[in-house]
């Protein structure tokens, strides 16, 4: 009987050793799950970084458009300067037309003066 009991206890010990091995395996699986959770977090972070890269690409495009608009504004400023110069030239033409009229009047007066002196 004692042998049977010790044999039974030996079997119980073997079963508990098997359960201990199972517990160790589940602990290993738990560690694997934690690692995969960490990998999932890394994937989410890389997805976030990808979104940031896409946003920076959009911002780069906007900066290029803004640079193009700046160039257009500079051209418009150049055109405005040309218009101001043209307005100045128009004023000079009006003055020269006025001077031409004065010259014509003085020529007429000169002719009148010559007729009177003759």
N, C-alpha and C. Protein backbone atom coordinates (compact mmCIF):
# COMPACT_ATOMS: atom_id res chain seq x y z
N UNK A 1 0.80 -1.19 0.00
CA UNK A 1 0.00 0.00 0.00
C UNK A 1 0.84 1.25 0.00
N UNK A 2 1.86 1.18 0.78
CA UNK A 2 2.75 2.34 0.80
C UNK A 2 3.37 2.54 -0.56
N UNK A 3 3.70 1.45 -1.20
CA UNK A 3 4.28 1.57 -2.54
C UNK A 3 3.29 2.16 -3.52
N UNK A 4 2.04 1.75 -3.36
CA UNK A 4 1.03 2.31 -4.26
C UNK A 4 0.85 3.80 -4.00
N UNK A 5 0.86 4.17 -2.72
CA UNK A 5 0.70 5.58 -2.38
C UNK A 5 1.89 6.37 -2.88
N UNK A 6 3.09 5.82 -2.68
CA UNK A 6 4.26 6.54 -3.17
C UNK A 6 4.26 6.60 -4.68
N UNK A 7 3.76 5.53 -5.31
CA UNK A 7 3.65 5.56 -6.77
C UNK A 7 2.64 6.63 -7.17
N UNK A 8 1.52 6.72 -6.41
CA UNK A 8 0.52 7.75 -6.68
C UNK A 8 1.10 9.14 -6.48
N UNK A 9 1.89 9.30 -5.41
CA UNK A 9 2.53 10.58 -5.16
C UNK A 9 3.54 10.91 -6.25
N UNK A 10 4.23 9.88 -6.72
CA UNK A 10 5.19 10.08 -7.81
C UNK A 10 4.47 10.54 -9.07
N UNK A 11 3.31 9.94 -9.34
CA UNK A 11 2.52 10.37 -10.50
C UNK A 11 2.05 11.80 -10.32
N UNK A 12 1.62 12.15 -9.10
CA UNK A 12 1.21 13.53 -8.84
C UNK A 12 2.36 14.50 -9.06
N UNK A 13 3.54 14.08 -8.59
CA UNK A 13 4.72 14.93 -8.80
C UNK A 13 5.00 15.12 -10.28
N UNK A 14 4.87 14.01 -11.05
CA UNK A 14 5.10 14.11 -12.49
C UNK A 14 4.06 15.03 -13.14
N UNK A 15 2.81 14.93 -12.70
CA UNK A 15 1.77 15.80 -13.24
C UNK A 15 2.03 17.26 -12.88
N UNK A 16 2.44 17.50 -11.65
CA UNK A 16 2.74 18.88 -11.27
C UNK A 16 3.95 19.39 -12.04
N UNK A 17 4.91 18.51 -12.33
CA UNK A 17 6.04 18.93 -13.16
C UNK A 17 5.55 19.28 -14.56
N UNK A 18 4.61 18.49 -15.08
CA UNK A 18 4.02 18.80 -16.38
C UNK A 18 3.27 20.11 -16.35
N UNK A 19 2.51 20.34 -15.27
CA UNK A 19 1.80 21.62 -15.14
C UNK A 19 2.78 22.79 -15.03
N UNK A 20 3.88 22.55 -14.33
CA UNK A 20 4.90 23.59 -14.22
C UNK A 20 5.48 23.91 -15.60
N UNK A 21 5.72 22.89 -16.41
CA UNK A 21 6.21 23.12 -17.78
C UNK A 21 5.18 23.89 -18.59
N UNK A 22 3.88 23.55 -18.41
CA UNK A 22 2.82 24.28 -19.11
C UNK A 22 2.80 25.75 -18.68
N UNK A 23 2.97 25.97 -17.38
CA UNK A 23 3.00 27.35 -16.88
C UNK A 23 4.18 28.11 -17.48
N UNK A 24 5.32 27.45 -17.60
CA UNK A 24 6.48 28.11 -18.20
C UNK A 24 6.21 28.43 -19.67
N UNK A 25 5.55 27.48 -20.37
CA UNK A 25 5.23 27.74 -21.78
C UNK A 25 4.24 28.90 -21.92
N UNK A 26 3.24 28.95 -21.04
CA UNK A 26 2.28 30.06 -21.12
C UNK A 26 2.96 31.38 -20.77
N UNK A 27 3.93 31.33 -19.85
CA UNK A 27 4.69 32.55 -19.56
C UNK A 27 5.47 32.99 -20.80
N UNK A 28 6.03 32.00 -21.51
CA UNK A 28 6.73 32.33 -22.76
C UNK A 28 5.78 32.90 -23.79
N UNK A 29 4.57 32.32 -23.88
CA UNK A 29 3.57 32.86 -24.81
C UNK A 29 3.15 34.27 -24.42
N UNK A 30 3.04 34.49 -23.11
CA UNK A 30 2.70 35.83 -22.63
C UNK A 30 3.79 36.83 -23.02
N UNK A 31 5.04 36.44 -22.92
CA UNK A 31 6.14 37.31 -23.34
C UNK A 31 6.06 37.59 -24.84
N UNK A 32 5.73 36.54 -25.62
CA UNK A 32 5.57 36.74 -27.07
C UNK A 32 4.44 37.71 -27.37
N UNK A 33 3.33 37.59 -26.62
CA UNK A 33 2.22 38.51 -26.82
C UNK A 33 2.62 39.95 -26.49
N UNK A 34 3.39 40.10 -25.42
CA UNK A 34 3.86 41.44 -25.08
C UNK A 34 4.77 42.00 -26.17
N UNK A 35 5.62 41.13 -26.72
CA UNK A 35 6.50 41.59 -27.81
C UNK A 35 5.69 41.97 -29.04
N UNK A 36 4.68 41.17 -29.37
CA UNK A 36 3.86 41.53 -30.53
C UNK A 36 3.08 42.81 -30.27
N UNK A 37 2.67 43.02 -29.02
CA UNK A 37 2.01 44.29 -28.68
C UNK A 37 3.00 45.44 -28.89
N UNK A 38 4.24 45.23 -28.49
CA UNK A 38 5.26 46.25 -28.73
C UNK A 38 5.48 46.50 -30.21
N UNK A 39 5.49 45.41 -31.00
CA UNK A 39 5.64 45.56 -32.45
C UNK A 39 4.45 46.30 -33.04
N UNK A 40 3.25 46.01 -32.52
CA UNK A 40 2.06 46.72 -32.99
C UNK A 40 2.17 48.22 -32.70
N UNK A 41 2.68 48.56 -31.51
CA UNK A 41 2.89 49.97 -31.19
C UNK A 41 3.90 50.60 -32.15
N UNK A 42 4.96 49.86 -32.46
CA UNK A 42 5.94 50.38 -33.40
C UNK A 42 5.33 50.60 -34.78
N UNK A 43 4.47 49.67 -35.19
CA UNK A 43 3.79 49.84 -36.48
C UNK A 43 2.89 51.06 -36.47
N UNK A 44 2.20 51.28 -35.37
CA UNK A 44 1.35 52.47 -35.27
C UNK A 44 2.20 53.74 -35.32
N UNK A 45 3.35 53.72 -34.66
CA UNK A 45 4.24 54.90 -34.70
C UNK A 45 4.77 55.13 -36.11
N UNK A 46 5.12 54.06 -36.80
CA UNK A 46 5.61 54.25 -38.17
C UNK A 46 4.49 54.74 -39.08
N UNK A 47 3.25 54.29 -38.82
CA UNK A 47 2.12 54.82 -39.59
C UNK A 47 1.97 56.31 -39.32
N UNK A 48 2.14 56.70 -38.06
CA UNK A 48 2.10 58.12 -37.72
C UNK A 48 3.21 58.89 -38.41
N UNK A 49 4.39 58.30 -38.45
CA UNK A 49 5.51 58.96 -39.14
C UNK A 49 5.23 59.09 -40.63
N UNK A 50 4.59 58.05 -41.20
CA UNK A 50 4.23 58.11 -42.62
C UNK A 50 3.25 59.24 -42.87
N UNK A 51 2.28 59.41 -41.97
CA UNK A 51 1.34 60.52 -42.11
C UNK A 51 2.06 61.86 -42.00
N UNK A 52 3.01 61.95 -41.10
CA UNK A 52 3.79 63.19 -40.97
C UNK A 52 4.58 63.47 -42.24
N UNK A 53 5.14 62.40 -42.83
CA UNK A 53 5.86 62.59 -44.10
C UNK A 53 4.94 63.08 -45.20
N UNK A 54 3.74 62.53 -45.24
CA UNK A 54 2.77 62.97 -46.25
C UNK A 54 2.39 64.43 -46.03
N UNK A 55 2.19 64.79 -44.77
CA UNK A 55 1.87 66.20 -44.46
C UNK A 55 3.02 67.12 -44.83
N UNK A 56 4.24 66.67 -44.56
CA UNK A 56 5.38 67.52 -44.91
C UNK A 56 5.50 67.66 -46.42
N UNK A 57 5.13 66.60 -47.16
CA UNK A 57 5.13 66.70 -48.63
C UNK A 57 4.10 67.73 -49.08
N UNK A 58 2.93 67.72 -48.44
CA UNK A 58 1.90 68.71 -48.77
C UNK A 58 2.40 70.11 -48.42
N UNK A 59 3.03 70.24 -47.27
CA UNK A 59 3.57 71.55 -46.88
C UNK A 59 4.65 72.01 -47.86
N UNK A 60 5.45 71.07 -48.34
CA UNK A 60 6.47 71.41 -49.33
C UNK A 60 5.83 71.92 -50.61
N UNK A 61 4.75 71.26 -51.03
CA UNK A 61 4.03 71.72 -52.22
C UNK A 61 3.46 73.12 -52.00
N UNK A 62 2.92 73.35 -50.80
CA UNK A 62 2.38 74.68 -50.51
C UNK A 62 3.47 75.74 -50.51
N UNK A 63 4.65 75.37 -49.99
CA UNK A 63 5.76 76.32 -50.01
C UNK A 63 6.20 76.63 -51.43
N UNK A 64 6.19 75.61 -52.29
CA UNK A 64 6.54 75.85 -53.69
C UNK A 64 5.52 76.77 -54.35
N UNK A 65 4.25 76.55 -54.06
CA UNK A 65 3.22 77.44 -54.61
C UNK A 65 3.39 78.86 -54.08
N UNK A 66 3.70 78.98 -52.80
CA UNK A 66 3.91 80.30 -52.23
C UNK A 66 5.11 80.99 -52.88
N UNK A 67 6.15 80.22 -53.17
CA UNK A 67 7.31 80.79 -53.86
C UNK A 67 6.90 81.27 -55.25
N UNK A 68 6.06 80.48 -55.93
CA UNK A 68 5.56 80.90 -57.24
C UNK A 68 4.74 82.17 -57.15
N UNK A 69 3.90 82.24 -56.10
CA UNK A 69 3.10 83.46 -55.90
C UNK A 69 4.00 84.66 -55.59
N UNK A 70 5.06 84.42 -54.85
CA UNK A 70 6.00 85.50 -54.55
C UNK A 70 6.65 86.01 -55.84
N UNK A 71 7.00 85.07 -56.72
CA UNK A 71 7.57 85.48 -58.00
C UNK A 71 6.56 86.29 -58.81
N UNK A 72 5.30 85.87 -58.79
CA UNK A 72 4.27 86.63 -59.49
C UNK A 72 4.10 88.02 -58.90
N UNK A 73 4.18 88.12 -57.58
CA UNK A 73 4.08 89.43 -56.94
C UNK A 73 5.26 90.33 -57.33
N UNK A 74 6.44 89.75 -57.44
CA UNK A 74 7.60 90.53 -57.87
C UNK A 74 7.43 91.01 -59.31
N UNK A 75 6.89 90.14 -60.16
CA UNK A 75 6.63 90.54 -61.55
C UNK A 75 5.60 91.65 -61.60
N UNK A 76 4.56 91.52 -60.77
CA UNK A 76 3.54 92.55 -60.73
C UNK A 76 4.13 93.88 -60.25
N UNK A 77 5.03 93.80 -59.28
CA UNK A 77 5.69 95.02 -58.81
C UNK A 77 6.51 95.64 -59.94
N UNK A 78 7.19 94.79 -60.71
CA UNK A 78 7.95 95.28 -61.86
C UNK A 78 7.03 95.93 -62.89
N UNK A 79 5.86 95.30 -63.14
CA UNK A 79 4.90 95.89 -64.07
C UNK A 79 4.37 97.22 -63.54
N UNK A 80 4.16 97.29 -62.23
CA UNK A 80 3.70 98.55 -61.64
C UNK A 80 4.74 99.65 -61.84
N UNK A 81 6.01 99.29 -61.67
CA UNK A 81 7.07 100.28 -61.92
C UNK A 81 7.07 100.72 -63.38
N UNK A 82 6.86 99.77 -64.30
CA UNK A 82 6.80 100.12 -65.72
C UNK A 82 5.62 101.06 -65.99
N UNK A 83 4.49 100.78 -65.36
CA UNK A 83 3.33 101.66 -65.53
C UNK A 83 3.61 103.06 -65.00
N UNK A 84 4.29 103.15 -63.88
CA UNK A 84 4.65 104.47 -63.34
C UNK A 84 5.59 105.20 -64.29
N UNK A 85 6.52 104.49 -64.87
CA UNK A 85 7.42 105.12 -65.84
C UNK A 85 6.66 105.59 -67.07
N UNK A 86 5.71 104.75 -67.52
CA UNK A 86 4.90 105.13 -68.67
C UNK A 86 4.07 106.37 -68.35
N UNK A 87 3.54 106.44 -67.14
CA UNK A 87 2.78 107.63 -66.73
C UNK A 87 3.70 108.85 -66.74
N UNK A 88 4.93 108.66 -66.27
CA UNK A 88 5.90 109.76 -66.30
C UNK A 88 6.21 110.19 -67.72
N UNK A 89 6.35 109.21 -68.62
CA UNK A 89 6.60 109.54 -70.03
C UNK A 89 5.40 110.26 -70.64
N UNK A 90 4.20 109.85 -70.26
CA UNK A 90 2.99 110.52 -70.76
C UNK A 90 2.97 111.97 -70.30
N UNK A 91 3.34 112.19 -69.02
CA UNK A 91 3.40 113.58 -68.53
C UNK A 91 4.44 114.37 -69.31
N UNK A 92 5.59 113.74 -69.62
CA UNK A 92 6.61 114.45 -70.41
C UNK A 92 6.08 114.77 -71.81
N UNK A 93 5.35 113.83 -72.41
CA UNK A 93 4.76 114.10 -73.73
C UNK A 93 3.77 115.26 -73.66
N UNK A 94 2.97 115.32 -72.61
CA UNK A 94 2.02 116.42 -72.47
C UNK A 94 2.76 117.75 -72.31
N UNK A 95 3.83 117.75 -71.54
CA UNK A 95 4.63 118.97 -71.38
C UNK A 95 5.26 119.39 -72.70
N UNK A 96 5.78 118.38 -73.45
CA UNK A 96 6.39 118.75 -74.73
C UNK A 96 5.34 119.26 -75.70
N UNK A 97 4.11 118.70 -75.62
CA UNK A 97 3.03 119.23 -76.46
C UNK A 97 2.72 120.66 -76.07
N UNK A 98 2.72 120.93 -74.77
CA UNK A 98 2.52 122.32 -74.31
C UNK A 98 3.63 123.23 -74.79
N UNK A 99 4.86 122.74 -74.74
CA UNK A 99 5.99 123.54 -75.22
C UNK A 99 5.89 123.77 -76.72
N UNK A 100 5.43 122.78 -77.44
CA UNK A 100 5.23 122.92 -78.88
C UNK A 100 4.20 124.00 -79.17
N UNK A 101 3.12 124.00 -78.38
CA UNK A 101 2.12 125.05 -78.57
C UNK A 101 2.70 126.42 -78.26
N UNK A 102 3.51 126.51 -77.22
CA UNK A 102 4.16 127.78 -76.90
C UNK A 102 5.07 128.23 -78.02
N UNK A 103 5.81 127.27 -78.60
CA UNK A 103 6.68 127.61 -79.72
C UNK A 103 5.87 128.11 -80.92
N UNK A 104 4.74 127.47 -81.17
CA UNK A 104 3.89 127.91 -82.27
C UNK A 104 3.36 129.33 -82.01
N UNK A 105 2.98 129.60 -80.77
CA UNK A 105 2.50 130.95 -80.44
C UNK A 105 3.61 131.98 -80.59
N UNK A 106 4.79 131.61 -80.10
CA UNK A 106 5.89 132.59 -80.24
C UNK A 106 6.27 132.78 -81.71
N UNK A 107 6.16 131.71 -82.50
CA UNK A 107 6.42 131.86 -83.93
C UNK A 107 5.37 132.79 -84.56
N UNK A 108 4.12 132.62 -84.16
CA UNK A 108 3.06 133.49 -84.66
C UNK A 108 3.29 134.93 -84.25
N UNK A 109 3.69 135.10 -82.97
CA UNK A 109 3.98 136.46 -82.49
C UNK A 109 5.17 137.04 -83.23
N UNK A 110 6.14 136.21 -83.51
CA UNK A 110 7.31 136.68 -84.25
C UNK A 110 6.91 137.12 -85.66
N UNK A 111 6.02 136.35 -86.27
CA UNK A 111 5.55 136.73 -87.60
C UNK A 111 4.77 138.04 -87.56
N UNK A 112 3.94 138.20 -86.55
CA UNK A 112 3.20 139.46 -86.40
C UNK A 112 4.17 140.63 -86.18
N UNK A 113 5.15 140.36 -85.40
CA UNK A 113 6.12 141.42 -85.12
C UNK A 113 6.87 141.80 -86.40
N UNK A 114 7.22 140.82 -87.21
CA UNK A 114 7.91 141.11 -88.47
C UNK A 114 7.00 141.86 -89.43
N UNK A 115 5.74 141.55 -89.46
CA UNK A 115 4.81 142.26 -90.33
C UNK A 115 4.66 143.70 -89.90
N UNK A 116 4.67 143.93 -88.62
CA UNK A 116 4.53 145.30 -88.14
C UNK A 116 5.79 146.12 -88.44
N UNK A 117 6.90 145.43 -88.35
CA UNK A 117 8.14 146.15 -88.61
C UNK A 117 8.36 146.38 -90.10
N UNK A 118 7.74 145.62 -90.92
CA UNK A 118 7.92 145.78 -92.37
C UNK A 118 7.06 146.89 -92.81
